[in-house]
Amino acid sequence: MKLNEFIEKCGFTLVNEGAEDIELTKVYCCDLLSFAMSRNPSGSVWVTVMGNVNTVAVAVLTEGGCIVVAEGAEIDETTLEKAKQQGVAILKTDMPVFEAALAAHKLLTE
């Protein structure tokens, strides 16, 4: 599923647009950035509570598809500015990590 279609259907709040033609492959959940650096699959919907600039750096490094910041966690201005510069899509939801990941997984596999 392309990122733009996922954004349209997921029900999460779009915080920053990314490259719409990215193909999303799977869902990945992790809040430990060192783990995510080595395990986040390319094209993933990465669900996390980490809303800081390092999350954007990891998404770029791993060629992730988008970041979903769950549980209503805050996203700081530095992070938003870096996401704009790097073209990283960020979405936000109040859902718990598991529920957000499950919703994303169901959408990607329908």
N, C-alpha and C. Protein backbone atom coordinates (compact mmCIF):
# COMPACT_ATOMS: atom_id res chain seq x y z
N MET A 1 0.85 -1.17 0.00
CA MET A 1 0.00 0.00 0.00
C MET A 1 0.89 1.24 0.00
N LYS A 2 0.54 2.20 -0.81
CA LYS A 2 1.29 3.45 -0.88
C LYS A 2 0.99 4.30 0.36
N LEU A 3 1.96 5.11 0.75
CA LEU A 3 1.82 5.96 1.93
C LEU A 3 0.60 6.86 1.84
N ASN A 4 0.36 7.47 0.69
CA ASN A 4 -0.78 8.39 0.57
C ASN A 4 -2.11 7.67 0.81
N GLU A 5 -2.23 6.44 0.34
CA GLU A 5 -3.44 5.67 0.57
C GLU A 5 -3.58 5.30 2.05
N PHE A 6 -2.46 4.93 2.68
CA PHE A 6 -2.48 4.60 4.10
C PHE A 6 -2.94 5.81 4.91
N ILE A 7 -2.40 6.97 4.62
CA ILE A 7 -2.77 8.20 5.33
C ILE A 7 -4.26 8.47 5.19
N GLU A 8 -4.77 8.27 4.00
CA GLU A 8 -6.19 8.48 3.72
C GLU A 8 -7.09 7.58 4.55
N LYS A 9 -6.68 6.33 4.74
CA LYS A 9 -7.53 5.31 5.35
C LYS A 9 -7.29 5.03 6.83
N CYS A 10 -6.15 5.41 7.38
CA CYS A 10 -5.75 4.93 8.70
C CYS A 10 -6.48 5.57 9.87
N GLY A 11 -6.95 6.79 9.71
CA GLY A 11 -7.62 7.46 10.81
C GLY A 11 -6.67 8.14 11.78
N PHE A 12 -5.37 8.07 11.54
CA PHE A 12 -4.41 8.78 12.37
C PHE A 12 -4.31 10.23 11.89
N THR A 13 -3.82 11.10 12.73
CA THR A 13 -3.67 12.51 12.38
C THR A 13 -2.34 12.73 11.68
N LEU A 14 -2.38 13.32 10.50
CA LEU A 14 -1.15 13.62 9.76
C LEU A 14 -0.49 14.85 10.37
N VAL A 15 0.76 14.70 10.78
CA VAL A 15 1.52 15.79 11.38
C VAL A 15 2.51 16.35 10.38
N ASN A 16 3.12 15.48 9.59
CA ASN A 16 4.05 15.90 8.55
C ASN A 16 3.96 14.95 7.36
N GLU A 17 3.85 15.53 6.18
CA GLU A 17 3.77 14.71 4.97
C GLU A 17 5.15 14.18 4.61
N GLY A 18 5.14 13.05 3.95
CA GLY A 18 6.39 12.47 3.45
C GLY A 18 6.26 12.23 1.96
N ALA A 19 7.12 11.40 1.43
CA ALA A 19 7.06 11.04 0.01
C ALA A 19 5.88 10.09 -0.19
N GLU A 20 4.84 10.57 -0.85
CA GLU A 20 3.58 9.82 -0.97
C GLU A 20 3.70 8.50 -1.71
N ASP A 21 4.71 8.35 -2.55
CA ASP A 21 4.81 7.15 -3.37
C ASP A 21 5.56 6.01 -2.69
N ILE A 22 5.92 6.17 -1.42
CA ILE A 22 6.59 5.10 -0.68
C ILE A 22 5.64 3.92 -0.53
N GLU A 23 6.16 2.74 -0.76
CA GLU A 23 5.38 1.52 -0.57
C GLU A 23 5.59 1.03 0.86
N LEU A 24 4.49 0.95 1.61
CA LEU A 24 4.56 0.47 2.98
C LEU A 24 4.52 -1.05 2.97
N THR A 25 5.38 -1.67 3.75
CA THR A 25 5.55 -3.12 3.70
C THR A 25 5.03 -3.85 4.92
N LYS A 26 5.27 -3.32 6.10
CA LYS A 26 4.87 -3.99 7.33
C LYS A 26 4.88 -2.99 8.47
N VAL A 27 4.45 -3.45 9.64
CA VAL A 27 4.41 -2.62 10.84
C VAL A 27 5.55 -3.05 11.77
N TYR A 28 6.17 -2.05 12.38
CA TYR A 28 7.26 -2.31 13.33
C TYR A 28 6.99 -1.49 14.58
N CYS A 29 7.13 -2.09 15.76
CA CYS A 29 6.93 -1.40 17.04
C CYS A 29 8.22 -1.48 17.85
N CYS A 30 8.69 -0.32 18.29
CA CYS A 30 9.88 -0.30 19.14
C CYS A 30 10.09 1.12 19.66
N ASP A 31 10.48 1.22 20.93
CA ASP A 31 10.79 2.53 21.51
C ASP A 31 12.27 2.67 21.84
N LEU A 32 13.04 1.65 21.60
CA LEU A 32 14.47 1.70 21.86
C LEU A 32 15.17 1.98 20.53
N LEU A 33 15.70 3.18 20.39
CA LEU A 33 16.23 3.63 19.10
C LEU A 33 17.37 2.76 18.59
N SER A 34 18.22 2.26 19.47
CA SER A 34 19.32 1.41 19.01
C SER A 34 18.80 0.10 18.41
N PHE A 35 17.71 -0.44 18.95
CA PHE A 35 17.09 -1.62 18.35
C PHE A 35 16.48 -1.26 17.01
N ALA A 36 15.75 -0.16 16.96
CA ALA A 36 15.09 0.25 15.72
C ALA A 36 16.10 0.49 14.61
N MET A 37 17.27 1.01 14.95
CA MET A 37 18.30 1.27 13.93
C MET A 37 18.70 0.00 13.20
N SER A 38 18.69 -1.12 13.90
CA SER A 38 19.15 -2.35 13.26
C SER A 38 18.01 -3.28 12.84
N ARG A 39 16.77 -2.95 13.22
CA ARG A 39 15.68 -3.88 12.95
C ARG A 39 14.49 -3.30 12.20
N ASN A 40 14.37 -1.98 12.14
CA ASN A 40 13.23 -1.37 11.47
C ASN A 40 13.31 -1.65 9.97
N PRO A 41 12.34 -2.38 9.41
CA PRO A 41 12.43 -2.73 7.99
C PRO A 41 12.15 -1.53 7.07
N SER A 42 12.75 -1.56 5.94
CA SER A 42 12.50 -0.54 4.93
C SER A 42 11.02 -0.52 4.58
N GLY A 43 10.46 0.68 4.47
CA GLY A 43 9.05 0.82 4.11
C GLY A 43 8.08 0.53 5.24
N SER A 44 8.57 0.50 6.47
CA SER A 44 7.71 0.14 7.59
C SER A 44 6.84 1.30 8.07
N VAL A 45 5.75 0.93 8.71
CA VAL A 45 4.96 1.84 9.53
C VAL A 45 5.51 1.63 10.93
N TRP A 46 6.32 2.56 11.41
CA TRP A 46 6.99 2.43 12.70
C TRP A 46 6.13 3.07 13.76
N VAL A 47 5.61 2.27 14.68
CA VAL A 47 4.75 2.76 15.76
C VAL A 47 5.61 2.87 17.02
N THR A 48 5.63 4.06 17.61
CA THR A 48 6.48 4.34 18.77
C THR A 48 5.86 5.44 19.62
N VAL A 49 6.38 5.65 20.81
CA VAL A 49 5.99 6.80 21.62
C VAL A 49 7.08 7.86 21.60
N MET A 50 8.14 7.60 20.86
CA MET A 50 9.26 8.53 20.80
C MET A 50 8.98 9.62 19.76
N GLY A 51 8.83 10.85 20.22
CA GLY A 51 8.54 11.95 19.31
C GLY A 51 9.68 12.94 19.23
N ASN A 52 10.92 12.43 19.29
CA ASN A 52 12.05 13.36 19.24
C ASN A 52 12.82 13.25 17.94
N VAL A 53 13.75 14.14 17.75
CA VAL A 53 14.48 14.26 16.48
C VAL A 53 15.25 12.98 16.14
N ASN A 54 15.68 12.23 17.13
CA ASN A 54 16.41 10.99 16.85
C ASN A 54 15.53 9.96 16.15
N THR A 55 14.23 10.02 16.39
CA THR A 55 13.31 9.11 15.71
C THR A 55 13.33 9.36 14.21
N VAL A 56 13.37 10.62 13.83
CA VAL A 56 13.44 10.97 12.40
C VAL A 56 14.75 10.46 11.81
N ALA A 57 15.83 10.63 12.52
CA ALA A 57 17.13 10.16 12.04
C ALA A 57 17.12 8.65 11.80
N VAL A 58 16.53 7.90 12.72
CA VAL A 58 16.45 6.45 12.57
C VAL A 58 15.56 6.08 11.38
N ALA A 59 14.46 6.78 11.21
CA ALA A 59 13.56 6.51 10.08
C ALA A 59 14.29 6.74 8.75
N VAL A 60 15.09 7.78 8.67
CA VAL A 60 15.86 8.05 7.46
C VAL A 60 16.91 6.96 7.25
N LEU A 61 17.63 6.63 8.30
CA LEU A 61 18.68 5.61 8.23
C LEU A 61 18.15 4.26 7.76
N THR A 62 16.97 3.89 8.25
CA THR A 62 16.42 2.57 7.93
C THR A 62 15.48 2.60 6.73
N GLU A 63 15.29 3.77 6.13
CA GLU A 63 14.39 3.95 5.00
C GLU A 63 12.97 3.52 5.35
N GLY A 64 12.55 3.87 6.58
CA GLY A 64 11.20 3.56 7.02
C GLY A 64 10.17 4.32 6.20
N GLY A 65 8.95 3.79 6.16
CA GLY A 65 7.90 4.41 5.37
C GLY A 65 7.25 5.60 6.05
N CYS A 66 7.00 5.48 7.36
CA CYS A 66 6.43 6.58 8.13
C CYS A 66 6.58 6.26 9.61
N ILE A 67 6.41 7.28 10.42
CA ILE A 67 6.42 7.13 11.87
C ILE A 67 5.01 7.41 12.37
N VAL A 68 4.50 6.55 13.25
CA VAL A 68 3.24 6.80 13.93
C VAL A 68 3.58 6.97 15.40
N VAL A 69 3.36 8.17 15.92
CA VAL A 69 3.60 8.45 17.32
C VAL A 69 2.29 8.17 18.06
N ALA A 70 2.34 7.15 18.91
CA ALA A 70 1.13 6.65 19.58
C ALA A 70 1.00 7.20 21.00
N GLU A 71 -0.12 6.86 21.63
CA GLU A 71 -0.42 7.16 23.02
C GLU A 71 -0.46 8.66 23.31
N GLY A 72 -0.69 9.47 22.28
CA GLY A 72 -0.79 10.91 22.46
C GLY A 72 0.53 11.57 22.83
N ALA A 73 1.65 10.87 22.60
CA ALA A 73 2.96 11.42 22.93
C ALA A 73 3.21 12.70 22.12
N GLU A 74 3.93 13.61 22.71
CA GLU A 74 4.23 14.89 22.08
C GLU A 74 5.34 14.76 21.04
N ILE A 75 5.26 15.61 20.04
CA ILE A 75 6.28 15.70 19.00
C ILE A 75 6.80 17.13 19.05
N ASP A 76 8.09 17.30 19.33
CA ASP A 76 8.62 18.66 19.49
C ASP A 76 8.87 19.34 18.15
N GLU A 77 9.04 20.65 18.19
CA GLU A 77 9.22 21.46 16.98
C GLU A 77 10.49 21.10 16.22
N THR A 78 11.55 20.79 16.93
CA THR A 78 12.80 20.39 16.27
C THR A 78 12.58 19.14 15.43
N THR A 79 11.81 18.22 15.98
CA THR A 79 11.50 16.98 15.27
C THR A 79 10.70 17.27 14.01
N LEU A 80 9.69 18.11 14.14
CA LEU A 80 8.87 18.46 12.97
C LEU A 80 9.69 19.14 11.88
N GLU A 81 10.57 20.03 12.29
CA GLU A 81 11.42 20.72 11.31
C GLU A 81 12.34 19.73 10.59
N LYS A 82 12.94 18.81 11.34
CA LYS A 82 13.82 17.80 10.74
C LYS A 82 13.03 16.87 9.82
N ALA A 83 11.82 16.50 10.22
CA ALA A 83 10.98 15.63 9.39
C ALA A 83 10.64 16.33 8.07
N LYS A 84 10.36 17.62 8.12
CA LYS A 84 10.09 18.38 6.90
C LYS A 84 11.32 18.39 5.99
N GLN A 85 12.49 18.66 6.58
CA GLN A 85 13.73 18.69 5.81
C GLN A 85 14.04 17.35 5.16
N GLN A 86 13.77 16.27 5.89
CA GLN A 86 14.13 14.93 5.42
C GLN A 86 13.01 14.23 4.65
N GLY A 87 11.81 14.83 4.62
CA GLY A 87 10.69 14.22 3.91
C GLY A 87 10.15 12.97 4.59
N VAL A 88 10.14 12.97 5.92
CA VAL A 88 9.66 11.83 6.70
C VAL A 88 8.22 12.09 7.14
N ALA A 89 7.33 11.18 6.80
CA ALA A 89 5.93 11.30 7.20
C ALA A 89 5.80 10.94 8.68
N ILE A 90 5.08 11.79 9.40
CA ILE A 90 4.78 11.52 10.81
C ILE A 90 3.28 11.62 11.00
N LEU A 91 2.73 10.60 11.63
CA LEU A 91 1.31 10.59 11.98
C LEU A 91 1.22 10.46 13.49
N LYS A 92 0.06 10.80 14.04
CA LYS A 92 -0.12 10.79 15.48
C LYS A 92 -1.46 10.17 15.83
N THR A 93 -1.50 9.47 16.96
CA THR A 93 -2.74 8.90 17.45
C THR A 93 -2.71 8.83 18.97
N ASP A 94 -3.88 8.84 19.58
CA ASP A 94 -4.00 8.64 21.02
C ASP A 94 -4.08 7.15 21.37
N MET A 95 -4.19 6.32 20.37
CA MET A 95 -4.30 4.87 20.59
C MET A 95 -3.03 4.34 21.25
N PRO A 96 -3.16 3.29 22.08
CA PRO A 96 -1.96 2.62 22.59
C PRO A 96 -1.15 2.02 21.43
N VAL A 97 0.12 1.79 21.67
CA VAL A 97 1.00 1.27 20.63
C VAL A 97 0.44 0.00 20.00
N PHE A 98 0.03 -0.95 20.80
CA PHE A 98 -0.47 -2.21 20.26
C PHE A 98 -1.68 -2.00 19.36
N GLU A 99 -2.64 -1.22 19.82
CA GLU A 99 -3.85 -0.99 19.04
C GLU A 99 -3.54 -0.24 17.74
N ALA A 100 -2.65 0.73 17.80
CA ALA A 100 -2.27 1.47 16.59
C ALA A 100 -1.57 0.54 15.60
N ALA A 101 -0.69 -0.31 16.11
CA ALA A 101 0.03 -1.24 15.24
C ALA A 101 -0.93 -2.26 14.63
N LEU A 102 -1.86 -2.74 15.43
CA LEU A 102 -2.84 -3.70 14.92
C LEU A 102 -3.71 -3.08 13.83
N ALA A 103 -4.15 -1.85 14.05
CA ALA A 103 -4.96 -1.14 13.04
C ALA A 103 -4.16 -0.96 11.75
N ALA A 104 -2.89 -0.57 11.89
CA ALA A 104 -2.04 -0.39 10.70
C ALA A 104 -1.83 -1.73 9.99
N HIS A 105 -1.58 -2.78 10.76
CA HIS A 105 -1.37 -4.11 10.16
C HIS A 105 -2.62 -4.56 9.39
N LYS A 106 -3.77 -4.40 9.99
CA LYS A 106 -5.01 -4.80 9.32
C LYS A 106 -5.19 -4.03 8.02
N LEU A 107 -4.88 -2.75 8.04
CA LEU A 107 -5.02 -1.94 6.84
C LEU A 107 -4.05 -2.39 5.75
N LEU A 108 -2.82 -2.70 6.14
CA LEU A 108 -1.80 -3.11 5.16
C LEU A 108 -2.09 -4.50 4.58
N THR A 109 -2.83 -5.33 5.31
CA THR A 109 -3.02 -6.71 4.86
C THR A 109 -4.43 -6.99 4.37
N GLU A 110 -5.29 -5.97 4.22
CA GLU A 110 -6.64 -6.23 3.73
C GLU A 110 -6.63 -6.59 2.26
